[in-house]
Amino acid sequence: MAINALAIWGWCSMADYRVYSLDEFGKINYAEGISAPSDTAAIALAREIRANARKCEIWQGRRLVATVAGSGVVQLDTQR
């Protein structure tokens, strides 16, 4: 089930993202679809729903948007 940031961010054009939680070996152990109006909103939503994850990645299609470490550190994809 995709989570929609509409209630948090209000009505606007939404994009689809995938959040992948990674285990200590870098393997996907959880995946979830979300919708958000921007990369920043998708990152915030991913941090909220995967707060206990060791590491997670936010993807929009084939583009890696960001990597979020369990400590809350965000590494943005700079290769656009």
N, C-alpha and C. Protein backbone atom coordinates (compact mmCIF):
# COMPACT_ATOMS: atom_id res chain seq x y z
N MET A 1 0.84 -1.18 0.00
CA MET A 1 0.00 0.00 0.00
C MET A 1 0.88 1.24 0.00
N ALA A 2 0.68 2.14 -0.93
CA ALA A 2 1.45 3.37 -1.00
C ALA A 2 0.96 4.36 0.04
N ILE A 3 1.89 5.05 0.65
CA ILE A 3 1.56 6.09 1.62
C ILE A 3 1.58 7.41 0.90
N ASN A 4 0.58 8.22 1.15
CA ASN A 4 0.43 9.49 0.46
C ASN A 4 0.68 10.63 1.43
N ALA A 5 1.55 11.55 1.06
CA ALA A 5 1.89 12.68 1.91
C ALA A 5 0.87 13.80 1.81
N LEU A 6 -0.23 13.57 1.13
CA LEU A 6 -1.24 14.59 0.91
C LEU A 6 -1.73 15.22 2.21
N ALA A 7 -1.99 14.42 3.21
CA ALA A 7 -2.49 14.95 4.48
C ALA A 7 -1.45 15.83 5.16
N ILE A 8 -0.17 15.55 4.94
CA ILE A 8 0.90 16.31 5.58
C ILE A 8 1.21 17.59 4.79
N TRP A 9 1.30 17.48 3.47
CA TRP A 9 1.81 18.57 2.64
C TRP A 9 0.72 19.35 1.91
N GLY A 10 -0.53 18.93 1.99
CA GLY A 10 -1.60 19.62 1.29
C GLY A 10 -1.67 19.19 -0.16
N TRP A 11 -2.68 19.69 -0.89
CA TRP A 11 -2.88 19.26 -2.26
C TRP A 11 -1.86 19.90 -3.19
N CYS A 12 -1.26 19.10 -4.02
CA CYS A 12 -0.36 19.55 -5.08
C CYS A 12 -0.01 18.35 -5.94
N SER A 13 0.75 18.56 -6.97
CA SER A 13 1.16 17.48 -7.85
C SER A 13 2.08 16.52 -7.08
N MET A 14 1.78 15.23 -7.16
CA MET A 14 2.54 14.24 -6.40
C MET A 14 3.37 13.36 -7.34
N ALA A 15 4.53 12.96 -6.86
CA ALA A 15 5.39 12.03 -7.59
C ALA A 15 5.46 10.72 -6.81
N ASP A 16 5.71 9.64 -7.52
CA ASP A 16 5.82 8.33 -6.88
C ASP A 16 7.27 8.00 -6.58
N TYR A 17 7.50 7.46 -5.40
CA TYR A 17 8.82 7.07 -4.94
C TYR A 17 8.73 5.67 -4.35
N ARG A 18 9.89 5.03 -4.21
CA ARG A 18 10.00 3.75 -3.50
C ARG A 18 11.03 3.94 -2.39
N VAL A 19 10.70 3.42 -1.22
CA VAL A 19 11.60 3.45 -0.08
C VAL A 19 12.06 2.01 0.16
N TYR A 20 13.37 1.81 0.15
CA TYR A 20 13.95 0.49 0.39
C TYR A 20 14.77 0.52 1.67
N SER A 21 14.40 -0.31 2.65
CA SER A 21 15.19 -0.46 3.86
C SER A 21 16.22 -1.55 3.61
N LEU A 22 17.46 -1.27 4.01
CA LEU A 22 18.55 -2.21 3.78
C LEU A 22 19.03 -2.80 5.10
N ASP A 23 19.40 -4.08 5.07
CA ASP A 23 19.93 -4.72 6.27
C ASP A 23 21.43 -4.45 6.38
N GLU A 24 22.08 -5.07 7.35
CA GLU A 24 23.51 -4.83 7.58
C GLU A 24 24.39 -5.31 6.44
N PHE A 25 23.84 -6.12 5.53
CA PHE A 25 24.59 -6.62 4.38
C PHE A 25 24.29 -5.83 3.11
N GLY A 26 23.43 -4.80 3.23
CA GLY A 26 23.06 -3.99 2.07
C GLY A 26 21.96 -4.61 1.22
N LYS A 27 21.31 -5.63 1.74
CA LYS A 27 20.22 -6.30 1.04
C LYS A 27 18.89 -5.67 1.44
N ILE A 28 17.97 -5.60 0.50
CA ILE A 28 16.64 -5.04 0.77
C ILE A 28 15.87 -5.97 1.70
N ASN A 29 15.38 -5.42 2.81
CA ASN A 29 14.55 -6.23 3.70
C ASN A 29 13.14 -5.67 3.83
N TYR A 30 12.88 -4.54 3.17
CA TYR A 30 11.54 -3.93 3.20
C TYR A 30 11.46 -2.92 2.06
N ALA A 31 10.34 -2.88 1.38
CA ALA A 31 10.12 -1.90 0.32
C ALA A 31 8.70 -1.37 0.44
N GLU A 32 8.55 -0.08 0.17
CA GLU A 32 7.22 0.53 0.24
C GLU A 32 7.13 1.68 -0.76
N GLY A 33 5.99 1.78 -1.41
CA GLY A 33 5.74 2.89 -2.32
C GLY A 33 5.15 4.06 -1.55
N ILE A 34 5.60 5.26 -1.89
CA ILE A 34 5.05 6.48 -1.30
C ILE A 34 4.81 7.50 -2.40
N SER A 35 3.99 8.49 -2.12
CA SER A 35 3.77 9.61 -3.02
C SER A 35 4.09 10.88 -2.25
N ALA A 36 4.78 11.81 -2.90
CA ALA A 36 5.15 13.06 -2.24
C ALA A 36 5.29 14.15 -3.31
N PRO A 37 5.14 15.42 -2.91
CA PRO A 37 5.21 16.52 -3.86
C PRO A 37 6.63 16.91 -4.27
N SER A 38 7.64 16.43 -3.53
CA SER A 38 9.02 16.81 -3.84
C SER A 38 9.98 15.78 -3.25
N ASP A 39 11.24 15.86 -3.67
CA ASP A 39 12.25 14.99 -3.09
C ASP A 39 12.37 15.22 -1.59
N THR A 40 12.36 16.48 -1.19
CA THR A 40 12.49 16.82 0.23
C THR A 40 11.36 16.21 1.05
N ALA A 41 10.15 16.28 0.53
CA ALA A 41 9.00 15.69 1.22
C ALA A 41 9.11 14.18 1.26
N ALA A 42 9.59 13.57 0.18
CA ALA A 42 9.76 12.11 0.14
C ALA A 42 10.79 11.66 1.18
N ILE A 43 11.87 12.41 1.31
CA ILE A 43 12.89 12.09 2.31
C ILE A 43 12.32 12.19 3.71
N ALA A 44 11.58 13.25 3.99
CA ALA A 44 10.96 13.43 5.31
C ALA A 44 9.99 12.30 5.62
N LEU A 45 9.20 11.93 4.64
CA LEU A 45 8.23 10.85 4.84
C LEU A 45 8.94 9.51 5.05
N ALA A 46 9.98 9.26 4.28
CA ALA A 46 10.74 8.02 4.43
C ALA A 46 11.38 7.95 5.81
N ARG A 47 11.91 9.05 6.29
CA ARG A 47 12.52 9.08 7.63
C ARG A 47 11.48 8.78 8.70
N GLU A 48 10.27 9.26 8.49
CA GLU A 48 9.20 9.04 9.46
C GLU A 48 8.75 7.57 9.47
N ILE A 49 8.52 7.01 8.30
CA ILE A 49 7.97 5.64 8.26
C ILE A 49 9.03 4.58 8.49
N ARG A 50 10.30 4.89 8.28
CA ARG A 50 11.38 3.91 8.47
C ARG A 50 12.36 4.40 9.55
N ALA A 51 11.84 4.98 10.62
CA ALA A 51 12.66 5.59 11.66
C ALA A 51 13.66 4.61 12.29
N ASN A 52 13.31 3.34 12.37
CA ASN A 52 14.18 2.36 13.03
C ASN A 52 15.08 1.60 12.06
N ALA A 53 15.05 1.95 10.81
CA ALA A 53 15.86 1.24 9.81
C ALA A 53 17.33 1.62 9.96
N ARG A 54 18.19 0.65 9.71
CA ARG A 54 19.64 0.90 9.75
C ARG A 54 20.04 1.86 8.63
N LYS A 55 19.46 1.63 7.46
CA LYS A 55 19.75 2.47 6.30
C LYS A 55 18.60 2.29 5.32
N CYS A 56 18.22 3.36 4.63
CA CYS A 56 17.22 3.21 3.59
C CYS A 56 17.56 4.11 2.41
N GLU A 57 17.05 3.73 1.26
CA GLU A 57 17.24 4.49 0.02
C GLU A 57 15.88 4.91 -0.51
N ILE A 58 15.83 6.12 -1.04
CA ILE A 58 14.61 6.63 -1.66
C ILE A 58 14.89 6.75 -3.15
N TRP A 59 14.04 6.10 -3.94
CA TRP A 59 14.19 6.09 -5.39
C TRP A 59 12.96 6.67 -6.05
N GLN A 60 13.18 7.37 -7.15
CA GLN A 60 12.09 7.81 -8.02
C GLN A 60 12.41 7.22 -9.39
N GLY A 61 11.71 6.16 -9.73
CA GLY A 61 12.03 5.45 -10.96
C GLY A 61 13.43 4.88 -10.87
N ARG A 62 14.27 5.21 -11.83
CA ARG A 62 15.65 4.72 -11.86
C ARG A 62 16.62 5.66 -11.16
N ARG A 63 16.11 6.76 -10.60
CA ARG A 63 16.96 7.78 -9.97
C ARG A 63 17.01 7.60 -8.45
N LEU A 64 18.22 7.44 -7.92
CA LEU A 64 18.42 7.42 -6.49
C LEU A 64 18.31 8.85 -5.97
N VAL A 65 17.32 9.11 -5.15
CA VAL A 65 17.08 10.46 -4.62
C VAL A 65 17.99 10.72 -3.43
N ALA A 66 18.01 9.79 -2.47
CA ALA A 66 18.80 9.98 -1.26
C ALA A 66 18.99 8.66 -0.54
N THR A 67 20.02 8.64 0.30
CA THR A 67 20.27 7.53 1.20
C THR A 67 20.19 8.10 2.61
N VAL A 68 19.43 7.44 3.48
CA VAL A 68 19.26 7.90 4.85
C VAL A 68 19.84 6.84 5.78
N ALA A 69 20.82 7.25 6.59
CA ALA A 69 21.42 6.34 7.56
C ALA A 69 20.56 6.32 8.82
N GLY A 70 20.71 5.26 9.61
CA GLY A 70 19.95 5.13 10.84
C GLY A 70 20.15 6.30 11.79
N SER A 71 21.30 6.96 11.70
CA SER A 71 21.58 8.11 12.56
C SER A 71 20.85 9.36 12.09
N GLY A 72 20.15 9.28 10.96
CA GLY A 72 19.42 10.42 10.44
C GLY A 72 20.18 11.22 9.39
N VAL A 73 21.43 10.80 9.12
CA VAL A 73 22.24 11.49 8.13
C VAL A 73 21.69 11.20 6.74
N VAL A 74 21.51 12.25 5.95
CA VAL A 74 20.97 12.11 4.60
C VAL A 74 22.07 12.41 3.60
N GLN A 75 22.25 11.51 2.65
CA GLN A 75 23.19 11.72 1.54
C GLN A 75 22.35 11.86 0.28
N LEU A 76 22.35 13.05 -0.29
CA LEU A 76 21.56 13.31 -1.49
C LEU A 76 22.30 12.85 -2.72
N ASP A 77 21.56 12.38 -3.70
CA ASP A 77 22.15 12.00 -4.98
C ASP A 77 22.50 13.28 -5.71
N THR A 78 23.76 13.42 -6.08
CA THR A 78 24.20 14.64 -6.77
C THR A 78 24.45 14.42 -8.25
N GLN A 79 24.17 13.23 -8.75
CA GLN A 79 24.42 12.92 -10.16
C GLN A 79 23.15 12.98 -10.96
N ARG A 80 22.61 14.15 -11.15
CA ARG A 80 21.38 14.32 -11.92
C ARG A 80 21.71 14.64 -13.33
